């Protein structure tokens, strides 16, 4: 399996500095980052490590759910996965991820509501990004359409 790479160029202090995150492997984009905007309600056109983790987690979970639904005898028709990643103070100092809320809705032919729930939970446990983030509480809400 390949290794994927991203790179960040940062200038200045935490409070006044800013940077750019480049998705180096895919070359699909370079995105602005700054700590003040990371900590603000309005990101104002910048991304953050939390948003990038949310993107990675939602994409990984969608792939894992799709694979596990097929293993359970279903045919995924459409899935929508949202990941909300929260940042907060760390009691030990600094900041930490304080939680991730995954939400999946979708249409899977051949799975009833109970089977959809089972697959959703199994996908949460089997998703490589979920596994990498075991130090963060991950909640799941799943709803079959």
C-alpha atoms as a PDB file:
ATOM      1  CA  UNK A   1       0.000   0.000   0.000  1.00  0.00           C
ATOM      2  CA  UNK A   2       1.271   3.499  -0.784  1.00  0.00           C
ATOM      3  CA  UNK A   3       2.307   6.225   1.618  1.00  0.00           C
ATOM      4  CA  UNK A   4       0.519   9.559   1.218  1.00  0.00           C
ATOM      5  CA  UNK A   5       2.185  12.883   1.967  1.00  0.00           C
ATOM      6  CA  UNK A   6       1.096  16.362   3.010  1.00  0.00           C
ATOM      7  CA  UNK A   7       3.409  19.252   3.816  1.00  0.00           C
ATOM      8  CA  UNK A   8       2.995  22.485   5.742  1.00  0.00           C
ATOM      9  CA  UNK A   9       5.058  25.641   5.341  1.00  0.00           C
ATOM     10  CA  UNK A  10       4.663  27.901   8.411  1.00  0.00           C
ATOM     11  CA  UNK A  11       5.881  31.449   8.999  1.00  0.00           C
ATOM     12  CA  UNK A  12       5.829  33.333  12.289  1.00  0.00           C
ATOM     13  CA  UNK A  13       4.651  32.694  15.793  1.00  0.00           C
ATOM     14  CA  UNK A  14       1.608  30.673  16.755  1.00  0.00           C
ATOM     15  CA  UNK A  15      -0.517  33.744  17.424  1.00  0.00           C
ATOM     16  CA  UNK A  16       0.576  35.916  14.476  1.00  0.00           C
ATOM     17  CA  UNK A  17       1.838  33.311  12.057  1.00  0.00           C
ATOM     18  CA  UNK A  18       0.158  31.418   9.292  1.00  0.00           C
ATOM     19  CA  UNK A  19       0.905  28.655   6.896  1.00  0.00           C
ATOM     20  CA  UNK A  20      -0.163  26.607   3.948  1.00  0.00           C
ATOM     21  CA  UNK A  21      -0.930  22.900   3.913  1.00  0.00           C
ATOM     22  CA  UNK A  22      -0.168  21.188   0.633  1.00  0.00           C
ATOM     23  CA  UNK A  23      -1.710  17.853  -0.281  1.00  0.00           C
ATOM     24  CA  UNK A  24       1.519  16.688  -1.874  1.00  0.00           C
ATOM     25  CA  UNK A  25       0.644  13.182  -3.033  1.00  0.00           C
ATOM     26  CA  UNK A  26      -2.524  14.071  -4.914  1.00  0.00           C
ATOM     27  CA  UNK A  27      -1.531  17.623  -5.799  1.00  0.00           C
ATOM     28  CA  UNK A  28      -5.218  18.604  -5.511  1.00  0.00           C
ATOM     29  CA  UNK A  29      -4.656  21.707  -3.474  1.00  0.00           C
ATOM     30  CA  UNK A  30      -2.863  23.963  -1.052  1.00  0.00           C
ATOM     31  CA  UNK A  31      -4.859  25.408   1.839  1.00  0.00           C
ATOM     32  CA  UNK A  32      -4.261  28.289   4.242  1.00  0.00           C
ATOM     33  CA  UNK A  33      -4.024  27.629   7.999  1.00  0.00           C
ATOM     34  CA  UNK A  34      -3.686  29.923  11.008  1.00  0.00           C
ATOM     35  CA  UNK A  35      -4.126  29.399  14.721  1.00  0.00           C
ATOM     36  CA  UNK A  36      -6.436  32.387  15.359  1.00  0.00           C
ATOM     37  CA  UNK A  37      -8.813  31.127  12.647  1.00  0.00           C
ATOM     38  CA  UNK A  38      -8.394  27.550  13.903  1.00  0.00           C
ATOM     39  CA  UNK A  39      -9.685  28.644  17.294  1.00  0.00           C
ATOM     40  CA  UNK A  40     -12.440  30.928  15.942  1.00  0.00           C
ATOM     41  CA  UNK A  41     -16.042  29.991  15.132  1.00  0.00           C
ATOM     42  CA  UNK A  42     -15.690  31.359  11.583  1.00  0.00           C
ATOM     43  CA  UNK A  43     -12.812  29.728   9.710  1.00  0.00           C
ATOM     44  CA  UNK A  44     -12.969  32.565   7.142  1.00  0.00           C
ATOM     45  CA  UNK A  45     -11.488  30.595   4.243  1.00  0.00           C
ATOM     46  CA  UNK A  46      -8.815  28.709   6.148  1.00  0.00           C
ATOM     47  CA  UNK A  47      -8.693  25.062   7.109  1.00  0.00           C
ATOM     48  CA  UNK A  48      -7.387  23.443  10.278  1.00  0.00           C
ATOM     49  CA  UNK A  49      -5.929  20.141  11.402  1.00  0.00           C
ATOM     50  CA  UNK A  50      -9.362  19.306  12.833  1.00  0.00           C
ATOM     51  CA  UNK A  51     -11.112  19.895   9.517  1.00  0.00           C
ATOM     52  CA  UNK A  52      -8.501  17.820   7.705  1.00  0.00           C
ATOM     53  CA  UNK A  53      -8.971  15.012  10.245  1.00  0.00           C
ATOM     54  CA  UNK A  54     -12.748  15.294   9.762  1.00  0.00           C
ATOM     55  CA  UNK A  55     -12.288  14.990   5.994  1.00  0.00           C
ATOM     56  CA  UNK A  56     -10.024  11.977   6.371  1.00  0.00           C
ATOM     57  CA  UNK A  57     -12.325  10.302   8.887  1.00  0.00           C
ATOM     58  CA  UNK A  58     -15.530  10.817   6.897  1.00  0.00           C
ATOM     59  CA  UNK A  59     -13.938   9.508   3.683  1.00  0.00           C
ATOM     60  CA  UNK A  60     -12.345   6.517   5.399  1.00  0.00           C
ATOM     61  CA  UNK A  61     -15.550   5.654   7.245  1.00  0.00           C
ATOM     62  CA  UNK A  62     -17.624   5.853   4.028  1.00  0.00           C
ATOM     63  CA  UNK A  63     -15.243   3.415   2.329  1.00  0.00           C
ATOM     64  CA  UNK A  64     -15.232   1.060   5.321  1.00  0.00           C
ATOM     65  CA  UNK A  65     -19.040   1.172   5.634  1.00  0.00           C
ATOM     66  CA  UNK A  66     -19.437   0.428   1.927  1.00  0.00           C
ATOM     67  CA  UNK A  67     -17.118  -2.594   2.171  1.00  0.00           C
ATOM     68  CA  UNK A  68     -18.795  -3.952   5.304  1.00  0.00           C
ATOM     69  CA  UNK A  69     -22.302  -3.421   3.912  1.00  0.00           C
ATOM     70  CA  UNK A  70     -21.346  -5.522   0.887  1.00  0.00           C
ATOM     71  CA  UNK A  71     -19.879  -8.221   3.178  1.00  0.00           C
ATOM     72  CA  UNK A  72     -23.205  -8.255   5.053  1.00  0.00           C
ATOM     73  CA  UNK A  73     -25.072  -8.871   1.795  1.00  0.00           C
ATOM     74  CA  UNK A  74     -26.128  -5.315   1.055  1.00  0.00           C
ATOM     75  CA  UNK A  75     -25.598  -3.068  -1.928  1.00  0.00           C
ATOM     76  CA  UNK A  76     -24.751   0.518  -0.967  1.00  0.00           C
ATOM     77  CA  UNK A  77     -26.613   2.966  -3.212  1.00  0.00           C
ATOM     78  CA  UNK A  78     -25.828   6.271  -1.492  1.00  0.00           C
ATOM     79  CA  UNK A  79     -24.118   7.226   1.767  1.00  0.00           C
ATOM     80  CA  UNK A  80     -23.557  10.566   3.414  1.00  0.00           C
ATOM     81  CA  UNK A  81     -21.001  10.653   6.207  1.00  0.00           C
ATOM     82  CA  UNK A  82     -20.241  13.684   8.340  1.00  0.00           C
ATOM     83  CA  UNK A  83     -17.457  13.900  10.908  1.00  0.00           C
ATOM     84  CA  UNK A  84     -17.465  16.719  13.480  1.00  0.00           C
ATOM     85  CA  UNK A  85     -14.058  17.004  15.160  1.00  0.00           C
ATOM     86  CA  UNK A  86     -13.850  19.165  18.295  1.00  0.00           C
ATOM     87  CA  UNK A  87     -10.786  20.914  19.710  1.00  0.00           C
ATOM     88  CA  UNK A  88     -10.577  21.939  23.337  1.00  0.00           C
ATOM     89  CA  UNK A  89      -8.195  22.516  26.225  1.00  0.00           C
ATOM     90  CA  UNK A  90      -6.095  19.620  27.446  1.00  0.00           C
ATOM     91  CA  UNK A  91      -6.009  19.320  31.262  1.00  0.00           C
ATOM     92  CA  UNK A  92      -2.305  18.499  30.906  1.00  0.00           C
ATOM     93  CA  UNK A  93      -1.745  21.802  29.042  1.00  0.00           C
ATOM     94  CA  UNK A  94      -2.291  23.009  25.516  1.00  0.00           C
ATOM     95  CA  UNK A  95      -5.073  21.610  23.380  1.00  0.00           C
ATOM     96  CA  UNK A  96      -6.421  18.211  22.386  1.00  0.00           C
ATOM     97  CA  UNK A  97      -9.137  16.680  20.263  1.00  0.00           C
ATOM     98  CA  UNK A  98     -12.079  16.418  22.630  1.00  0.00           C
ATOM     99  CA  UNK A  99     -14.385  14.308  20.491  1.00  0.00           C
ATOM    100  CA  UNK A 100     -15.457  13.128  17.082  1.00  0.00           C
ATOM    101  CA  UNK A 101     -19.107  12.713  16.132  1.00  0.00           C
ATOM    102  CA  UNK A 102     -19.676  10.538  13.086  1.00  0.00           C
ATOM    103  CA  UNK A 103     -23.057  10.663  11.375  1.00  0.00           C
ATOM    104  CA  UNK A 104     -23.981   8.303   8.551  1.00  0.00           C
ATOM    105  CA  UNK A 105     -27.189   8.238   6.581  1.00  0.00           C
ATOM    106  CA  UNK A 106     -27.780   6.235   3.503  1.00  0.00           C
ATOM    107  CA  UNK A 107     -29.540   3.794   1.316  1.00  0.00           C
ATOM    108  CA  UNK A 108     -28.264   0.234   1.335  1.00  0.00           C
ATOM    109  CA  UNK A 109     -30.333  -2.216  -0.646  1.00  0.00           C
ATOM    110  CA  UNK A 110     -30.690  -5.565   1.102  1.00  0.00           C
ATOM    111  CA  UNK A 111     -30.057  -4.344   4.669  1.00  0.00           C
ATOM    112  CA  UNK A 112     -32.847  -3.655   7.138  1.00  0.00           C
ATOM    113  CA  UNK A 113     -32.531  -0.955   9.805  1.00  0.00           C
ATOM    114  CA  UNK A 114     -30.964  -3.323  12.362  1.00  0.00           C
ATOM    115  CA  UNK A 115     -28.380  -4.606   9.894  1.00  0.00           C
ATOM    116  CA  UNK A 116     -27.614  -1.006   8.879  1.00  0.00           C
ATOM    117  CA  UNK A 117     -26.901  -0.193  12.540  1.00  0.00           C
ATOM    118  CA  UNK A 118     -24.646  -3.256  12.938  1.00  0.00           C
ATOM    119  CA  UNK A 119     -22.684  -2.391   9.813  1.00  0.00           C
ATOM    120  CA  UNK A 120     -22.386   1.230  10.957  1.00  0.00           C
ATOM    121  CA  UNK A 121     -20.857   0.144  14.271  1.00  0.00           C
ATOM    122  CA  UNK A 122     -18.545  -2.401  12.630  1.00  0.00           C
ATOM    123  CA  UNK A 123     -17.370   0.257  10.166  1.00  0.00           C
ATOM    124  CA  UNK A 124     -16.598   2.634  13.037  1.00  0.00           C
ATOM    125  CA  UNK A 125     -14.477  -0.054  14.696  1.00  0.00           C
ATOM    126  CA  UNK A 126     -12.800  -1.172  11.462  1.00  0.00           C
ATOM    127  CA  UNK A 127     -12.057   2.177   9.829  1.00  0.00           C
ATOM    128  CA  UNK A 128      -8.258   2.732   9.822  1.00  0.00           C
ATOM    129  CA  UNK A 129      -8.704   6.407  10.763  1.00  0.00           C
ATOM    130  CA  UNK A 130     -10.959   5.426  13.698  1.00  0.00           C
ATOM    131  CA  UNK A 131      -8.230   3.000  14.781  1.00  0.00           C
ATOM    132  CA  UNK A 132      -5.610   5.759  14.562  1.00  0.00           C
ATOM    133  CA  UNK A 133      -7.751   8.060  16.710  1.00  0.00           C
ATOM    134  CA  UNK A 134      -8.422   5.656  19.588  1.00  0.00           C
ATOM    135  CA  UNK A 135      -7.362   8.293  22.111  1.00  0.00           C
ATOM    136  CA  UNK A 136     -10.419  10.389  21.175  1.00  0.00           C
ATOM    137  CA  UNK A 137     -14.021   9.550  22.044  1.00  0.00           C
ATOM    138  CA  UNK A 138     -15.838   8.754  18.796  1.00  0.00           C
ATOM    139  CA  UNK A 139     -19.634   8.724  18.817  1.00  0.00           C
ATOM    140  CA  UNK A 140     -21.817   7.413  16.020  1.00  0.00           C
ATOM    141  CA  UNK A 141     -25.300   8.231  14.776  1.00  0.00           C
ATOM    142  CA  UNK A 142     -26.578   6.019  11.957  1.00  0.00           C
ATOM    143  CA  UNK A 143     -29.835   6.259  10.030  1.00  0.00           C
ATOM    144  CA  UNK A 144     -30.957   4.175   7.081  1.00  0.00           C
ATOM    145  CA  UNK A 145     -32.972   6.078   4.488  1.00  0.00           C
END
